[in-house]
């Protein structure tokens, strides 16, 4: 028996986690822009629930907030200019 299936599964899990840590914060901007554009209360409630951990992290670590807040604001401006 070889360790090849175990190595492949570990690699796959690592790539998924790495992608999640990159794509989750990057998805905040388009999601907020869509929320502003759609003007849907249910969507706003869902966005607050989904992105609450990221907003908490931004409040806790100002360096992260210094990157995330302008990014989110830019997308919100795009959403409001429909």
N, C-alpha and C. Protein backbone atom coordinates (compact mmCIF):
# COMPACT_ATOMS: atom_id res chain seq x y z
N UNK A 1 0.84 -1.18 0.00
CA UNK A 1 0.00 0.00 0.00
C UNK A 1 0.89 1.24 0.00
N UNK A 2 0.47 2.21 -0.77
CA UNK A 2 1.25 3.43 -0.82
C UNK A 2 0.54 4.54 -0.06
N UNK A 3 1.30 5.58 0.22
CA UNK A 3 0.74 6.75 0.89
C UNK A 3 0.19 7.76 -0.10
N UNK A 4 0.19 7.45 -1.37
CA UNK A 4 -0.24 8.42 -2.39
C UNK A 4 -1.66 8.94 -2.17
N UNK A 5 -2.68 8.12 -1.91
CA UNK A 5 -4.02 8.67 -1.67
C UNK A 5 -4.08 9.61 -0.47
N UNK A 6 -3.34 9.30 0.60
CA UNK A 6 -3.33 10.17 1.77
C UNK A 6 -2.69 11.51 1.43
N UNK A 7 -1.61 11.49 0.69
CA UNK A 7 -0.93 12.74 0.33
C UNK A 7 -1.82 13.60 -0.56
N UNK A 8 -2.50 12.96 -1.52
CA UNK A 8 -3.38 13.72 -2.40
C UNK A 8 -4.52 14.34 -1.62
N UNK A 9 -5.09 13.61 -0.67
CA UNK A 9 -6.21 14.17 0.09
C UNK A 9 -5.73 15.32 0.98
N UNK A 10 -4.56 15.21 1.55
CA UNK A 10 -4.02 16.31 2.36
C UNK A 10 -3.75 17.53 1.49
N UNK A 11 -3.22 17.33 0.31
CA UNK A 11 -2.96 18.44 -0.60
C UNK A 11 -4.25 19.12 -0.99
N UNK A 12 -5.26 18.34 -1.30
CA UNK A 12 -6.55 18.88 -1.70
C UNK A 12 -7.16 19.71 -0.57
N UNK A 13 -7.09 19.21 0.63
CA UNK A 13 -7.63 19.94 1.79
C UNK A 13 -6.86 21.25 1.99
N UNK A 14 -5.56 21.20 1.83
CA UNK A 14 -4.75 22.41 1.96
C UNK A 14 -5.11 23.46 0.93
N UNK A 15 -5.31 23.05 -0.30
CA UNK A 15 -5.68 24.00 -1.36
C UNK A 15 -7.07 24.60 -1.11
N UNK A 16 -7.99 23.80 -0.64
CA UNK A 16 -9.34 24.30 -0.35
C UNK A 16 -9.29 25.33 0.79
N UNK A 17 -8.54 25.04 1.83
CA UNK A 17 -8.44 25.99 2.95
C UNK A 17 -7.75 27.28 2.52
N UNK A 18 -6.70 27.16 1.73
CA UNK A 18 -6.00 28.35 1.25
C UNK A 18 -6.92 29.20 0.37
N UNK A 19 -7.68 28.56 -0.50
CA UNK A 19 -8.61 29.28 -1.35
C UNK A 19 -9.70 29.96 -0.52
N UNK A 20 -10.18 29.29 0.50
CA UNK A 20 -11.22 29.86 1.35
C UNK A 20 -10.72 31.11 2.06
N UNK A 21 -9.48 31.09 2.54
CA UNK A 21 -8.93 32.25 3.23
C UNK A 21 -8.70 33.42 2.29
N UNK A 22 -8.56 33.16 1.01
CA UNK A 22 -8.38 34.23 0.03
C UNK A 22 -9.73 34.66 -0.54
N UNK A 23 -10.56 33.71 -0.93
CA UNK A 23 -11.81 34.04 -1.61
C UNK A 23 -12.88 34.61 -0.68
N UNK A 24 -12.90 34.20 0.55
CA UNK A 24 -13.91 34.71 1.49
C UNK A 24 -13.78 36.23 1.66
N UNK A 25 -12.60 36.75 1.98
CA UNK A 25 -12.51 38.22 2.09
C UNK A 25 -12.71 38.93 0.76
N UNK A 26 -12.25 38.33 -0.34
CA UNK A 26 -12.43 38.97 -1.63
C UNK A 26 -13.89 38.99 -2.08
N UNK A 27 -14.68 38.06 -1.60
CA UNK A 27 -16.09 38.03 -1.98
C UNK A 27 -16.91 39.09 -1.26
N UNK A 28 -16.36 39.68 -0.21
CA UNK A 28 -17.09 40.70 0.55
C UNK A 28 -17.46 41.89 -0.33
N UNK A 29 -16.53 42.38 -1.11
CA UNK A 29 -16.79 43.56 -1.94
C UNK A 29 -17.92 43.35 -2.93
N UNK A 30 -17.83 42.34 -3.79
CA UNK A 30 -18.94 42.12 -4.73
C UNK A 30 -20.27 41.84 -4.03
N UNK A 31 -20.24 41.16 -2.91
CA UNK A 31 -21.48 40.86 -2.19
C UNK A 31 -22.11 42.16 -1.66
N UNK A 32 -21.30 43.05 -1.13
CA UNK A 32 -21.84 44.33 -0.64
C UNK A 32 -22.35 45.19 -1.79
N UNK A 33 -21.61 45.19 -2.89
CA UNK A 33 -22.07 45.93 -4.06
C UNK A 33 -23.39 45.41 -4.57
N UNK A 34 -23.56 44.09 -4.59
CA UNK A 34 -24.81 43.48 -5.01
C UNK A 34 -25.93 43.81 -4.02
N UNK A 35 -25.61 43.81 -2.74
CA UNK A 35 -26.61 44.15 -1.73
C UNK A 35 -27.11 45.57 -1.87
N UNK A 36 -26.20 46.50 -2.15
CA UNK A 36 -26.60 47.90 -2.36
C UNK A 36 -27.42 48.02 -3.63
N UNK A 37 -26.98 47.34 -4.67
CA UNK A 37 -27.66 47.43 -5.97
C UNK A 37 -29.06 46.82 -5.91
N UNK A 38 -29.20 45.68 -5.25
CA UNK A 38 -30.48 44.99 -5.21
C UNK A 38 -31.47 45.63 -4.25
N UNK A 39 -30.97 46.29 -3.20
CA UNK A 39 -31.81 46.92 -2.17
C UNK A 39 -32.85 45.93 -1.62
N UNK A 40 -32.34 44.81 -1.17
CA UNK A 40 -33.19 43.73 -0.68
C UNK A 40 -32.86 43.49 0.79
N UNK A 41 -33.84 43.63 1.67
CA UNK A 41 -33.61 43.48 3.11
C UNK A 41 -33.14 42.08 3.47
N UNK A 42 -33.69 41.07 2.85
CA UNK A 42 -33.29 39.69 3.15
C UNK A 42 -31.82 39.47 2.78
N UNK A 43 -31.40 40.07 1.68
CA UNK A 43 -30.00 39.95 1.27
C UNK A 43 -29.08 40.64 2.28
N UNK A 44 -29.49 41.81 2.78
CA UNK A 44 -28.69 42.50 3.79
C UNK A 44 -28.56 41.66 5.06
N UNK A 45 -29.63 41.02 5.47
CA UNK A 45 -29.58 40.17 6.66
C UNK A 45 -28.63 39.00 6.44
N UNK A 46 -28.70 38.39 5.26
CA UNK A 46 -27.80 37.28 4.94
C UNK A 46 -26.34 37.74 4.91
N UNK A 47 -26.09 38.91 4.33
CA UNK A 47 -24.72 39.43 4.28
C UNK A 47 -24.18 39.70 5.68
N UNK A 48 -25.02 40.27 6.54
CA UNK A 48 -24.58 40.50 7.92
C UNK A 48 -24.21 39.21 8.62
N UNK A 49 -24.96 38.16 8.37
CA UNK A 49 -24.68 36.87 9.00
C UNK A 49 -23.41 36.24 8.43
N UNK A 50 -23.26 36.24 7.12
CA UNK A 50 -22.14 35.56 6.47
C UNK A 50 -20.81 36.27 6.72
N UNK A 51 -20.82 37.60 6.71
CA UNK A 51 -19.57 38.34 6.82
C UNK A 51 -19.28 38.88 8.22
N UNK A 52 -20.10 38.53 9.19
CA UNK A 52 -19.86 38.99 10.56
C UNK A 52 -18.47 38.60 11.08
N UNK A 53 -17.97 37.38 10.85
CA UNK A 53 -16.62 37.06 11.33
C UNK A 53 -15.53 37.94 10.71
N UNK A 54 -15.71 38.29 9.45
CA UNK A 54 -14.71 39.15 8.80
C UNK A 54 -14.77 40.55 9.36
N UNK A 55 -15.97 41.09 9.57
CA UNK A 55 -16.10 42.41 10.16
C UNK A 55 -15.57 42.43 11.59
N UNK A 56 -15.78 41.36 12.32
CA UNK A 56 -15.23 41.27 13.68
C UNK A 56 -13.71 41.31 13.62
N UNK A 57 -13.13 40.57 12.69
CA UNK A 57 -11.67 40.55 12.55
C UNK A 57 -11.14 41.92 12.16
N UNK A 58 -11.87 42.63 11.31
CA UNK A 58 -11.45 43.98 10.92
C UNK A 58 -11.48 44.95 12.09
N UNK A 59 -12.47 44.80 12.96
CA UNK A 59 -12.53 45.64 14.16
C UNK A 59 -11.41 45.30 15.14
N UNK A 60 -11.07 44.03 15.20
CA UNK A 60 -10.05 43.58 16.15
C UNK A 60 -8.64 43.90 15.69
N UNK A 61 -8.38 43.78 14.38
CA UNK A 61 -7.05 44.04 13.83
C UNK A 61 -7.13 45.20 12.85
N UNK A 62 -6.74 46.40 13.27
CA UNK A 62 -6.87 47.59 12.42
C UNK A 62 -6.13 47.49 11.08
N UNK A 63 -5.04 46.75 11.02
CA UNK A 63 -4.34 46.62 9.73
C UNK A 63 -5.22 45.89 8.71
N UNK A 64 -5.94 44.89 9.15
CA UNK A 64 -6.85 44.18 8.26
C UNK A 64 -8.00 45.10 7.85
N UNK A 65 -8.52 45.83 8.80
CA UNK A 65 -9.60 46.77 8.50
C UNK A 65 -9.16 47.86 7.53
N UNK A 66 -7.90 48.27 7.61
CA UNK A 66 -7.39 49.30 6.70
C UNK A 66 -7.37 48.82 5.26
N UNK A 67 -7.37 47.53 5.06
CA UNK A 67 -7.41 46.96 3.71
C UNK A 67 -8.84 46.64 3.30
N UNK A 68 -9.60 46.05 4.20
CA UNK A 68 -10.94 45.57 3.87
C UNK A 68 -11.95 46.71 3.72
N UNK A 69 -11.93 47.70 4.63
CA UNK A 69 -12.95 48.76 4.59
C UNK A 69 -12.93 49.55 3.29
N UNK A 70 -11.77 50.01 2.81
CA UNK A 70 -11.79 50.73 1.52
C UNK A 70 -12.24 49.85 0.36
N UNK A 71 -11.86 48.58 0.40
CA UNK A 71 -12.28 47.64 -0.64
C UNK A 71 -13.81 47.50 -0.64
N UNK A 72 -14.38 47.34 0.54
CA UNK A 72 -15.83 47.21 0.65
C UNK A 72 -16.53 48.50 0.22
N UNK A 73 -15.99 49.64 0.63
CA UNK A 73 -16.58 50.93 0.27
C UNK A 73 -16.55 51.16 -1.23
N UNK A 74 -15.48 50.75 -1.88
CA UNK A 74 -15.37 50.91 -3.33
C UNK A 74 -16.46 50.10 -4.04
N UNK A 75 -16.67 48.87 -3.59
CA UNK A 75 -17.71 48.04 -4.20
C UNK A 75 -19.10 48.58 -3.89
N UNK A 76 -19.29 49.13 -2.70
CA UNK A 76 -20.60 49.73 -2.37
C UNK A 76 -20.88 50.92 -3.27
N UNK A 77 -19.85 51.70 -3.55
CA UNK A 77 -20.01 52.84 -4.47
C UNK A 77 -20.38 52.35 -5.87
N UNK A 78 -19.77 51.29 -6.30
CA UNK A 78 -20.12 50.72 -7.61
C UNK A 78 -21.57 50.25 -7.64
N UNK A 79 -22.02 49.65 -6.54
CA UNK A 79 -23.39 49.15 -6.46
C UNK A 79 -24.42 50.27 -6.43
N UNK A 80 -24.06 51.39 -5.85
CA UNK A 80 -25.01 52.50 -5.76
C UNK A 80 -25.09 53.31 -7.06
N UNK A 81 -24.14 53.10 -7.96
CA UNK A 81 -24.13 53.84 -9.23
C UNK A 81 -24.78 53.07 -10.36
N UNK A 82 -25.81 52.36 -10.06
CA UNK A 82 -26.42 51.54 -11.12
C UNK A 82 -27.12 52.36 -12.08
